[in-house]
C-alpha atoms as a PDB file:
ATOM      1  CA  MET A   1     -34.586  20.679 -86.860  1.00  0.00           C
ATOM      2  CA  THR A   2     -31.143  19.867 -85.926  1.00  0.00           C
ATOM      3  CA  ASP A   3     -29.859  20.841 -89.015  1.00  0.00           C
ATOM      4  CA  ASN A   4     -31.809  23.832 -88.763  1.00  0.00           C
ATOM      5  CA  SER A   5     -30.455  25.115 -85.461  1.00  0.00           C
ATOM      6  CA  PHE A   6     -26.821  24.493 -86.672  1.00  0.00           C
ATOM      7  CA  GLU A   7     -27.176  26.814 -89.059  1.00  0.00           C
ATOM      8  CA  TRP A   8     -28.569  29.336 -86.907  1.00  0.00           C
ATOM      9  CA  VAL A   9     -25.856  29.105 -84.646  1.00  0.00           C
ATOM     10  CA  ARG A  10     -23.270  29.116 -87.568  1.00  0.00           C
ATOM     11  CA  HIS A  11     -25.044  32.404 -88.440  1.00  0.00           C
ATOM     12  CA  LEU A  12     -24.630  33.744 -84.961  1.00  0.00           C
ATOM     13  CA  GLY A  13     -21.183  33.151 -84.947  1.00  0.00           C
ATOM     14  CA  ALA A  14     -20.355  34.807 -88.233  1.00  0.00           C
ATOM     15  CA  VAL A  15     -22.039  37.659 -86.988  1.00  0.00           C
ATOM     16  CA  SER A  16     -20.499  38.009 -83.552  1.00  0.00           C
ATOM     17  CA  GLY A  17     -17.330  37.133 -85.533  1.00  0.00           C
ATOM     18  CA  PHE A  18     -17.686  40.467 -87.790  1.00  0.00           C
ATOM     19  CA  VAL A  19     -19.582  42.522 -84.897  1.00  0.00           C
ATOM     20  CA  CYS A  20     -15.971  42.110 -82.696  1.00  0.00           C
ATOM     21  CA  VAL A  21     -14.088  43.041 -85.745  1.00  0.00           C
ATOM     22  CA  PHE A  22     -16.236  46.118 -86.548  1.00  0.00           C
ATOM     23  CA  VAL A  23     -15.975  47.200 -82.803  1.00  0.00           C
ATOM     24  CA  SER A  24     -12.461  46.836 -82.438  1.00  0.00           C
ATOM     25  CA  HIS A  25     -11.846  48.736 -85.462  1.00  0.00           C
ATOM     26  CA  ILE A  26     -13.717  51.593 -84.100  1.00  0.00           C
ATOM     27  CA  PHE A  27     -12.124  51.216 -80.983  1.00  0.00           C
ATOM     28  CA  ARG A  28      -8.839  51.541 -82.719  1.00  0.00           C
ATOM     29  CA  GLU A  29      -9.671  54.647 -84.576  1.00  0.00           C
ATOM     30  CA  VAL A  30     -10.793  56.129 -81.543  1.00  0.00           C
ATOM     31  CA  LEU A  31      -7.450  55.954 -79.562  1.00  0.00           C
ATOM     32  CA  THR A  32      -5.682  56.647 -82.172  1.00  0.00           C
ATOM     33  CA  THR A  33      -7.514  59.739 -82.487  1.00  0.00           C
ATOM     34  CA  THR A  34      -7.663  60.630 -79.108  1.00  0.00           C
ATOM     35  CA  GLY A  35      -3.410  60.076 -79.047  1.00  0.00           C
ATOM     36  CA  LYS A  36      -3.337  62.748 -81.730  1.00  0.00           C
ATOM     37  CA  VAL A  37      -5.727  64.825 -79.923  1.00  0.00           C
ATOM     38  CA  LEU A  38      -3.712  64.880 -76.397  1.00  0.00           C
ATOM     39  CA  GLU A  39      -0.593  65.002 -78.239  1.00  0.00           C
ATOM     40  CA  ARG A  40      -1.776  68.610 -79.787  1.00  0.00           C
ATOM     41  CA  GLY A  41      -2.726  69.390 -76.304  1.00  0.00           C
ATOM     42  CA  LYS A  42       0.177  69.423 -74.714  1.00  0.00           C
END
């Protein structure tokens, strides 16, 4: 029981870490694109 729950927690940590990296990457892309559009708008 304990080993199984530990595996689940570790799996959840890996998934959440991947999601954090993915979201930050998307956020950076959006900021870069927005910056380019604003520069072009000036």
